Amino acid sequence: MKQFFARRDFALLWSAHTVSSLGTWIDYVVLNLYVYKVFGSASVLGAFLVVRLLPALLFGPLGGYLADRFPRRTLLIGCDLARAVLVLGFLVVREIPAFFALGLALAALDKVHQAAQGAFIPDLVEDRDLMEANGMIRVSTSVTTVIGPATGALLVSSWGFPVAFILDSATFVFSALATIFIRRGRSSAQEDSPSASRPDFRVALGFLAGSPALLYLLAVRFMDSLGSGAYMTGLPLFANGLDTSHGASYGWLIGVWALGTLWGSLGFARWARTRNLPLATSFAGAVLLMAAGMAWTFHARSLAPAMLAIFAGGVGDGLSGLLFQTTLMRAAPPAVRGRVIGTSLALLHGGAIAGMAAAGPFLERYPLQSVTDVASGLIALSAVVGFLVATRHLPSSAEARPPATQGAQPPS
């Protein structure tokens, strides 16, 4: 870890990501509280939450295209500054359409920023260090997932909404300032390739379809997102049934999941640097661990075993997510990397939305454990079948770069 922070550019990007991720989670909580306070309607709040989920389906790929078309560092700075302004806009608007428009714009910029950052990371670190760099990014994401909502609630309760919005805006300004000092811009491959100027997302889909290895990883991660959406929908219901206060139990479970993903991401990244770990076996094993942890959680009868199960599930999620993200970054040509990453973000986010939408009606009719068992079983089945079918197409090592495929060529 020390050698990464000695590298000025990556240290700046990591700092910017950590602070902006904190701001994203702060505004998530503060905005939900604020919308309910202003309008006093659960229906308006529910619609606002849906509006903030939808941009990922469009603006992940769009952000990827912008990251291929324009300097990635400049795009990150622009997204941060725009978010800083939009957050303050909530202090002056009072109409529902204006709230929804600002929420939609803020969520869209979040996804553009996420796609651009994913495309930018391989420009800053050597290929051999990409696994550990992604692990460190995921660690800061896990930490801010835990402390961000608590910080947002604390700001509102202690100083009120105006101070919360101002400090939240300041996190994005800090992120922009840190990114400004990164010296490296877009790569020469990005500038020279004619495909970088094409707003054609068949480039990304063609690349993914042309690689059996990536299709396997993407299909399993999609099933993971689908099941995780259902799992996270049922988690508050499960926490409500525990002996302790459901609010405290729910908070503990979410925190332990984040700790599991943190340990899985950073710990595996370090092991991968020193051991020749097979990618196919590592990925399938991580997914099976995650599915087992998800299923075990809702069969627990008290908080302690549930926390142990959800920690195991978080470790599996951290491992599989890290392997998928790093493999995708290594395989995608620099000129279309943004669109490939952005398209994968949209597909995975769509799976999570579908899982959340389907979980509600099912949870009304079936026991919580059976819904989770089915979701976990589908995830595990996809991992096993995919492992048997696609193993020969995957790199032999988690540290190896996948071979180039015909799908990497843009369509004519």
Protein backbone atom coordinates (compact mmCIF):
# COMPACT_ATOMS: atom_id res chain seq x y z
CA MET A 1 0.00 0.00 0.00
CA LYS A 2 2.84 2.41 0.79
CA GLN A 3 4.24 2.18 -2.72
CA PHE A 4 0.88 3.28 -4.14
CA PHE A 5 0.68 6.40 -2.01
CA ALA A 6 4.24 7.18 -3.04
CA ARG A 7 2.92 7.44 -6.60
CA ARG A 8 1.58 10.95 -6.75
CA ASP A 9 -1.05 10.53 -9.46
CA PHE A 10 -2.72 7.46 -8.02
CA ALA A 11 -2.61 8.88 -4.49
CA LEU A 12 -4.42 11.97 -5.74
CA LEU A 13 -7.03 9.90 -7.59
CA TRP A 14 -7.57 7.69 -4.54
CA SER A 15 -7.99 10.74 -2.31
CA ALA A 16 -10.43 12.33 -4.76
CA HIS A 17 -12.42 9.09 -5.03
CA THR A 18 -12.60 8.62 -1.27
CA VAL A 19 -13.87 12.13 -0.59
CA SER A 20 -16.31 12.21 -3.52
CA SER A 21 -17.64 8.76 -2.55
CA LEU A 22 -18.19 10.09 0.95
CA GLY A 23 -20.08 13.03 -0.56
CA THR A 24 -22.22 10.69 -2.67
CA TRP A 25 -23.33 8.70 0.37
CA ILE A 26 -23.89 11.85 2.42
CA ASP A 27 -26.15 13.37 -0.21
CA TYR A 28 -28.00 10.06 -0.60
CA VAL A 29 -29.13 10.16 3.03
CA VAL A 30 -29.51 13.93 3.34
CA LEU A 31 -31.59 14.20 0.17
CA ASN A 32 -33.96 11.41 1.20
CA LEU A 33 -34.52 13.06 4.58
CA TYR A 34 -34.89 16.47 2.98
CA VAL A 35 -37.41 15.39 0.34
CA TYR A 36 -39.61 13.80 3.01
CA LYS A 37 -39.28 16.89 5.23
CA VAL A 38 -40.23 19.32 2.45
CA PHE A 39 -43.13 17.36 0.93
CA GLY A 40 -44.18 15.07 3.80
CA SER A 41 -45.15 12.31 1.35
CA ALA A 42 -43.90 8.74 1.24
CA SER A 43 -45.11 8.52 -2.37
CA VAL A 44 -42.98 11.48 -3.41
CA LEU A 45 -39.99 9.99 -1.58
CA GLY A 46 -40.48 6.61 -3.28
CA ALA A 47 -40.72 8.24 -6.70
CA PHE A 48 -37.61 10.29 -5.95
CA LEU A 49 -35.68 7.11 -5.09
CA VAL A 50 -36.75 5.51 -8.37
CA VAL A 51 -35.70 8.60 -10.31
CA ARG A 52 -32.25 8.41 -8.75
CA LEU A 53 -31.84 4.76 -9.74
CA LEU A 54 -32.80 5.05 -13.40
CA PRO A 55 -29.86 7.15 -14.74
CA ALA A 56 -27.45 4.25 -14.28
CA LEU A 57 -29.12 2.42 -17.16
CA LEU A 58 -28.32 5.22 -19.61
CA PHE A 59 -25.56 7.34 -18.15
CA GLY A 60 -23.17 4.49 -17.41
CA PRO A 61 -22.72 3.82 -21.16
CA LEU A 62 -22.93 7.53 -21.97
CA GLY A 63 -20.25 8.28 -19.38
CA GLY A 64 -18.14 5.55 -20.94
CA TYR A 65 -18.47 7.15 -24.36
CA LEU A 66 -17.53 10.57 -22.96
CA ALA A 67 -14.52 8.98 -21.24
CA ASP A 68 -13.39 7.62 -24.61
CA ARG A 69 -14.08 10.86 -26.46
CA PHE A 70 -12.67 13.49 -24.06
CA PRO A 71 -9.76 13.70 -21.60
CA ARG A 72 -10.73 11.54 -18.65
CA ARG A 73 -9.15 13.80 -16.03
CA THR A 74 -11.07 16.82 -17.35
CA LEU A 75 -14.31 14.83 -17.34
CA LEU A 76 -13.82 13.83 -13.70
CA ILE A 77 -13.16 17.43 -12.69
CA GLY A 78 -16.25 18.65 -14.55
CA CYS A 79 -18.49 16.04 -12.91
CA ASP A 80 -17.23 16.98 -9.45
CA LEU A 81 -17.75 20.72 -9.93
CA ALA A 82 -21.20 20.20 -11.44
CA ARG A 83 -22.23 17.99 -8.52
CA ALA A 84 -21.00 20.61 -6.05
CA VAL A 85 -23.35 23.16 -7.65
CA LEU A 86 -26.32 20.80 -7.98
CA VAL A 87 -26.23 19.83 -4.31
CA LEU A 88 -26.55 23.49 -3.31
CA GLY A 89 -29.46 23.83 -5.73
CA PHE A 90 -31.68 21.81 -3.40
CA LEU A 91 -31.55 24.68 -0.91
CA VAL A 92 -33.37 27.05 -3.26
CA VAL A 93 -35.93 24.89 -5.12
CA ARG A 94 -39.29 23.96 -3.65
CA GLU A 95 -41.28 22.38 -6.49
CA ILE A 96 -41.47 18.64 -7.08
CA PRO A 97 -40.40 18.79 -10.76
CA ALA A 98 -37.33 20.85 -9.82
CA PHE A 99 -36.39 18.37 -7.08
CA PHE A 100 -36.73 15.47 -9.48
CA ALA A 101 -34.72 17.24 -12.19
CA LEU A 102 -31.87 17.99 -9.76
CA GLY A 103 -31.95 14.44 -8.39
CA LEU A 104 -31.87 13.00 -11.90
CA ALA A 105 -28.95 15.24 -12.91
CA LEU A 106 -27.00 14.43 -9.75
CA ALA A 107 -27.46 10.68 -10.20
CA ALA A 108 -26.51 10.94 -13.88
CA LEU A 109 -23.27 12.75 -13.03
CA ASP A 110 -22.49 10.11 -10.41
CA LYS A 111 -22.62 7.40 -13.08
CA VAL A 112 -20.64 9.41 -15.63
CA HIS A 113 -17.97 10.00 -12.96
CA GLN A 114 -17.92 6.30 -12.05
CA ALA A 115 -17.47 5.18 -15.67
CA ALA A 116 -14.78 7.80 -16.36
CA GLN A 117 -12.85 6.87 -13.23
CA GLY A 118 -12.94 3.17 -14.12
CA ALA A 119 -11.49 4.00 -17.53
CA PHE A 120 -8.88 6.34 -16.02
CA ILE A 121 -7.34 4.02 -13.41
CA PRO A 122 -5.40 1.84 -15.92
CA ASP A 123 -3.88 5.06 -17.33
CA LEU A 124 -2.24 5.76 -13.95
CA VAL A 125 -0.86 2.38 -12.80
CA GLU A 126 1.12 -0.42 -14.39
CA ASP A 127 -0.75 -3.54 -15.45
CA ARG A 128 0.89 -5.66 -12.74
CA ASP A 129 -0.42 -3.24 -10.09
CA LEU A 130 -3.97 -2.95 -11.40
CA MET A 131 -5.43 -5.64 -9.12
CA GLU A 132 -4.13 -3.96 -5.98
CA ALA A 133 -5.08 -0.48 -7.21
CA ASN A 134 -8.66 -1.62 -7.77
CA GLY A 135 -8.62 -3.25 -4.35
CA MET A 136 -7.66 0.03 -2.73
CA ILE A 137 -10.42 1.87 -4.61
CA ARG A 138 -12.96 -0.72 -3.47
CA VAL A 139 -11.71 -0.45 0.10
CA SER A 140 -12.36 3.29 0.21
CA THR A 141 -15.79 2.67 -1.36
CA SER A 142 -16.62 0.14 1.37
CA VAL A 143 -15.48 2.48 4.14
CA THR A 144 -17.46 5.44 2.82
CA THR A 145 -20.51 3.19 2.39
CA VAL A 146 -20.40 2.67 6.16
CA ILE A 147 -19.50 6.15 7.39
CA GLY A 148 -21.20 8.24 4.68
CA PRO A 149 -24.85 7.60 5.68
CA ALA A 150 -23.98 8.01 9.37
CA THR A 151 -22.16 11.26 8.62
CA GLY A 152 -25.11 12.59 6.63
CA ALA A 153 -27.55 11.79 9.42
CA LEU A 154 -25.21 13.36 12.00
CA LEU A 155 -24.85 16.56 9.98
CA VAL A 156 -28.61 16.94 9.66
CA SER A 157 -29.32 16.23 13.33
CA SER A 158 -26.51 18.46 14.63
CA TRP A 159 -26.46 21.45 12.28
CA GLY A 160 -29.46 21.16 9.98
CA PHE A 161 -29.91 20.75 6.25
CA PRO A 162 -28.15 23.95 5.01
CA VAL A 163 -24.86 23.04 6.70
CA ALA A 164 -25.19 19.42 5.53
CA PHE A 165 -25.65 20.52 1.91
CA ILE A 166 -22.76 23.00 2.10
CA LEU A 167 -20.33 20.45 3.55
CA ASP A 168 -21.51 17.84 1.05
CA SER A 169 -20.83 20.30 -1.78
CA ALA A 170 -17.35 20.89 -0.32
CA THR A 171 -16.49 17.18 -0.68
CA PHE A 172 -16.97 17.42 -4.45
CA VAL A 173 -14.94 20.63 -4.63
CA PHE A 174 -12.09 18.87 -2.79
CA SER A 175 -12.29 15.93 -5.19
CA ALA A 176 -12.07 18.28 -8.18
CA LEU A 177 -9.07 20.10 -6.72
CA ALA A 178 -7.24 16.82 -6.04
CA THR A 179 -7.92 15.62 -9.59
CA ILE A 180 -6.63 18.88 -11.08
CA PHE A 181 -3.15 18.07 -9.78
CA ILE A 182 -2.99 14.68 -11.52
CA ARG A 183 -0.39 15.09 -14.25
CA ARG A 184 -1.36 12.32 -16.65
CA GLY A 185 -4.17 12.80 -19.17
CA ARG A 186 -5.64 10.49 -21.72
CA SER A 187 -3.45 7.90 -23.39
CA SER A 188 -2.13 8.23 -26.91
CA ALA A 189 -4.10 5.15 -27.94
CA GLN A 190 -7.26 6.92 -26.94
CA GLU A 191 -6.39 9.96 -29.07
CA ASP A 192 -5.28 8.05 -32.14
CA SER A 193 -8.11 5.53 -32.50
CA PRO A 194 -10.99 6.56 -34.77
CA SER A 195 -13.41 4.48 -32.70
CA ALA A 196 -13.00 6.92 -29.83
CA SER A 197 -15.11 9.46 -31.70
CA ARG A 198 -17.99 7.08 -32.45
CA PRO A 199 -21.00 7.29 -30.11
CA ASP A 200 -21.76 3.65 -31.01
CA PHE A 201 -22.20 1.32 -28.06
CA ARG A 202 -22.09 -1.73 -30.33
CA VAL A 203 -18.34 -1.29 -29.91
CA ALA A 204 -18.64 -2.26 -26.25
CA LEU A 205 -21.25 -4.96 -26.81
CA GLY A 206 -19.23 -6.40 -29.69
CA PHE A 207 -16.13 -6.53 -27.52
CA LEU A 208 -17.96 -8.30 -24.68
CA ALA A 209 -19.73 -10.71 -27.03
CA GLY A 210 -16.44 -11.61 -28.69
CA SER A 211 -14.87 -12.86 -25.47
CA PRO A 212 -16.31 -16.05 -23.88
CA ALA A 213 -14.26 -15.36 -20.76
CA LEU A 214 -15.76 -11.91 -20.23
CA LEU A 215 -19.25 -13.14 -21.10
CA TYR A 216 -18.91 -15.75 -18.36
CA LEU A 217 -17.75 -13.19 -15.81
CA LEU A 218 -20.43 -10.68 -16.84
CA ALA A 219 -23.26 -13.24 -16.82
CA VAL A 220 -22.36 -14.43 -13.33
CA ARG A 221 -21.99 -10.86 -12.03
CA PHE A 222 -25.40 -10.05 -13.54
CA MET A 223 -26.95 -12.96 -11.63
CA ASP A 224 -25.07 -11.72 -8.58
CA SER A 225 -26.62 -8.25 -9.00
CA LEU A 226 -30.09 -9.73 -9.50
CA GLY A 227 -29.82 -11.83 -6.35
CA SER A 228 -28.17 -9.05 -4.36
CA GLY A 229 -31.04 -6.71 -5.23
CA ALA A 230 -33.52 -9.21 -3.78
CA TYR A 231 -31.22 -9.86 -0.81
CA MET A 232 -30.87 -6.20 0.11
CA THR A 233 -34.63 -5.75 -0.17
CA GLY A 234 -35.23 -8.55 2.30
CA LEU A 235 -32.47 -7.55 4.71
CA PRO A 236 -34.51 -4.87 6.58
CA LEU A 237 -37.38 -7.37 6.96
CA PHE A 238 -35.00 -9.95 8.39
CA ALA A 239 -33.47 -7.42 10.78
CA ASN A 240 -36.96 -6.48 11.96
CA GLY A 241 -37.54 -10.06 13.05
CA LEU A 242 -34.46 -10.30 15.24
CA ASP A 243 -34.70 -9.99 19.02
CA THR A 244 -32.84 -6.68 19.13
CA SER A 245 -34.00 -3.35 17.77
CA HIS A 246 -34.39 -3.72 14.01
CA GLY A 247 -32.76 -0.36 13.37
CA ALA A 248 -29.60 -1.31 15.25
CA SER A 249 -29.54 -4.81 13.75
CA TYR A 250 -29.94 -3.48 10.23
CA GLY A 251 -27.11 -1.01 10.76
CA TRP A 252 -24.81 -3.73 12.08
CA LEU A 253 -25.57 -6.05 9.18
CA ILE A 254 -24.92 -3.39 6.53
CA GLY A 255 -21.69 -2.41 8.24
CA VAL A 256 -20.46 -6.00 8.48
CA TRP A 257 -21.23 -6.58 4.77
CA ALA A 258 -19.12 -3.54 3.91
CA LEU A 259 -16.31 -4.81 6.14
CA GLY A 260 -16.44 -8.16 4.35
CA THR A 261 -16.13 -6.54 0.93
CA LEU A 262 -13.27 -4.41 2.27
CA TRP A 263 -11.34 -7.42 3.57
CA GLY A 264 -12.05 -9.45 0.44
CA SER A 265 -10.97 -6.69 -1.94
CA LEU A 266 -7.74 -5.64 -0.25
CA GLY A 267 -6.69 -9.04 1.07
CA PHE A 268 -7.08 -10.82 -2.25
CA ALA A 269 -5.34 -8.03 -4.15
CA ARG A 270 -2.25 -8.55 -1.99
CA TRP A 271 -2.31 -12.33 -2.38
CA ALA A 272 -2.63 -12.05 -6.14
CA ARG A 273 0.66 -10.17 -6.33
CA THR A 274 2.62 -12.99 -4.73
CA ARG A 275 0.74 -16.16 -5.74
CA ASN A 276 -0.21 -17.67 -9.06
CA LEU A 277 -3.96 -17.82 -8.37
CA PRO A 278 -6.13 -19.34 -11.15
CA LEU A 279 -8.73 -16.80 -12.25
CA ALA A 280 -11.53 -19.26 -13.06
CA THR A 281 -11.27 -21.11 -9.75
CA SER A 282 -10.85 -17.91 -7.74
CA PHE A 283 -13.86 -16.21 -9.33
CA ALA A 284 -16.18 -19.23 -9.07
CA GLY A 285 -15.11 -19.86 -5.47
CA ALA A 286 -15.72 -16.22 -4.54
CA VAL A 287 -19.21 -16.28 -6.06
CA LEU A 288 -20.10 -19.52 -4.27
CA LEU A 289 -18.89 -18.02 -0.97
CA MET A 290 -21.06 -14.96 -1.54
CA ALA A 291 -24.13 -17.07 -2.41
CA ALA A 292 -23.62 -19.28 0.65
CA GLY A 293 -23.30 -16.25 2.91
CA MET A 294 -26.49 -14.73 1.48
CA ALA A 295 -28.49 -17.93 1.99
CA TRP A 296 -27.08 -18.57 5.46
CA THR A 297 -27.93 -15.06 6.65
CA PHE A 298 -31.70 -15.47 6.60
CA HIS A 299 -31.56 -18.90 8.25
CA ALA A 300 -29.81 -17.45 11.30
CA ARG A 301 -31.81 -17.10 14.48
CA SER A 302 -29.81 -14.35 16.15
CA LEU A 303 -27.66 -11.40 15.26
CA ALA A 304 -24.23 -13.00 15.83
CA PRO A 305 -24.51 -15.88 13.31
CA ALA A 306 -26.25 -13.55 10.87
CA MET A 307 -23.29 -11.16 11.09
CA LEU A 308 -20.87 -14.02 10.45
CA ALA A 309 -22.87 -15.12 7.41
CA ILE A 310 -23.15 -11.65 5.96
CA PHE A 311 -19.42 -11.09 6.50
CA ALA A 312 -18.71 -14.24 4.46
CA GLY A 313 -21.07 -13.02 1.76
CA GLY A 314 -19.36 -9.64 1.71
CA VAL A 315 -15.93 -11.27 1.35
CA GLY A 316 -17.18 -13.25 -1.63
CA ASP A 317 -18.70 -10.15 -3.18
CA GLY A 318 -15.48 -8.21 -2.71
CA LEU A 319 -13.39 -10.97 -4.28
CA SER A 320 -15.63 -11.59 -7.29
CA GLY A 321 -16.15 -7.89 -7.93
CA LEU A 322 -12.43 -7.20 -7.82
CA LEU A 323 -11.63 -10.04 -10.23
CA PHE A 324 -14.35 -8.96 -12.66
CA GLN A 325 -13.41 -5.29 -12.60
CA THR A 326 -9.69 -5.86 -13.02
CA THR A 327 -10.11 -8.45 -15.80
CA LEU A 328 -12.41 -6.09 -17.68
CA MET A 329 -9.98 -3.17 -17.37
CA ARG A 330 -7.07 -5.28 -18.60
CA ALA A 331 -8.95 -6.77 -21.52
CA ALA A 332 -10.56 -3.61 -22.93
CA PRO A 333 -8.46 -1.61 -25.44
CA PRO A 334 -7.75 1.92 -24.11
CA ALA A 335 -9.71 3.58 -26.92
CA VAL A 336 -12.99 1.87 -25.98
CA ARG A 337 -12.33 1.10 -22.31
CA GLY A 338 -14.79 3.72 -21.11
CA ARG A 339 -17.69 2.34 -23.13
CA VAL A 340 -16.94 -1.23 -22.09
CA ILE A 341 -16.87 -0.30 -18.40
CA GLY A 342 -19.88 1.99 -18.69
CA THR A 343 -21.95 -0.67 -20.47
CA SER A 344 -21.07 -3.27 -17.85
CA LEU A 345 -22.09 -0.82 -15.09
CA ALA A 346 -25.48 -0.34 -16.75
CA LEU A 347 -26.06 -4.09 -17.11
CA LEU A 348 -25.14 -4.82 -13.49
CA HIS A 349 -27.18 -1.92 -12.16
CA GLY A 350 -30.13 -3.06 -14.26
CA GLY A 351 -29.85 -6.48 -12.64
CA ALA A 352 -29.95 -4.95 -9.16
CA ILE A 353 -33.03 -2.86 -10.03
CA ALA A 354 -34.78 -5.93 -11.45
CA GLY A 355 -33.95 -7.91 -8.31
CA MET A 356 -35.33 -5.19 -6.06
CA ALA A 357 -38.48 -4.83 -8.15
CA ALA A 358 -39.15 -8.59 -8.18
CA ALA A 359 -38.37 -9.12 -4.51
CA GLY A 360 -41.29 -7.03 -3.21
CA PRO A 361 -44.14 -9.12 -4.68
CA PHE A 362 -42.35 -12.38 -3.89
CA LEU A 363 -41.74 -11.38 -0.28
CA GLU A 364 -45.46 -10.68 0.08
CA ARG A 365 -46.29 -14.28 -0.87
CA TYR A 366 -43.35 -16.47 0.17
CA PRO A 367 -41.15 -16.84 3.27
CA LEU A 368 -38.06 -14.69 3.36
CA GLN A 369 -35.71 -17.67 3.52
CA SER A 370 -37.17 -19.34 0.43
CA VAL A 371 -36.80 -16.19 -1.70
CA THR A 372 -33.16 -15.82 -0.68
CA ASP A 373 -32.46 -19.52 -1.15
CA VAL A 374 -33.78 -19.35 -4.72
CA ALA A 375 -31.75 -16.20 -5.49
CA SER A 376 -28.59 -17.67 -3.96
CA GLY A 377 -29.13 -20.97 -5.76
CA LEU A 378 -29.40 -19.22 -9.13
CA ILE A 379 -26.18 -17.31 -8.44
CA ALA A 380 -24.35 -20.49 -7.44
CA LEU A 381 -25.71 -22.38 -10.46
CA SER A 382 -24.56 -19.67 -12.85
CA ALA A 383 -21.09 -19.75 -11.29
CA VAL A 384 -20.76 -23.53 -11.55
CA VAL A 385 -22.18 -23.86 -15.08
CA GLY A 386 -20.16 -20.92 -16.31
CA PHE A 387 -17.03 -22.34 -14.71
CA LEU A 388 -17.49 -25.68 -16.48
CA VAL A 389 -18.27 -24.10 -19.86
CA ALA A 390 -15.87 -21.15 -19.99
CA THR A 391 -12.88 -22.24 -17.91
CA ARG A 392 -10.70 -22.96 -20.91
CA HIS A 393 -11.21 -19.42 -22.21
CA LEU A 394 -10.08 -17.70 -19.01
CA PRO A 395 -6.51 -16.68 -18.21
CA SER A 396 -4.62 -19.21 -16.12
CA SER A 397 -3.81 -16.62 -13.47
CA ALA A 398 -5.71 -13.80 -11.80
CA GLU A 399 -2.70 -11.62 -12.57
CA ALA A 400 -2.55 -12.53 -16.27
CA ARG A 401 -3.83 -10.23 -18.99
CA PRO A 402 -6.58 -11.90 -21.07
CA PRO A 403 -5.64 -12.45 -24.70
CA ALA A 404 -7.02 -10.04 -27.27
CA THR A 405 -10.23 -11.16 -28.96
CA GLN A 406 -11.90 -10.33 -32.20
CA GLY A 407 -14.62 -8.62 -30.22
CA ALA A 408 -12.14 -5.90 -29.34
CA GLN A 409 -12.39 -4.53 -32.87
CA PRO A 410 -15.06 -1.87 -33.39
CA PRO A 411 -17.78 -2.74 -35.90
CA SER A 412 -17.40 -1.36 -39.37
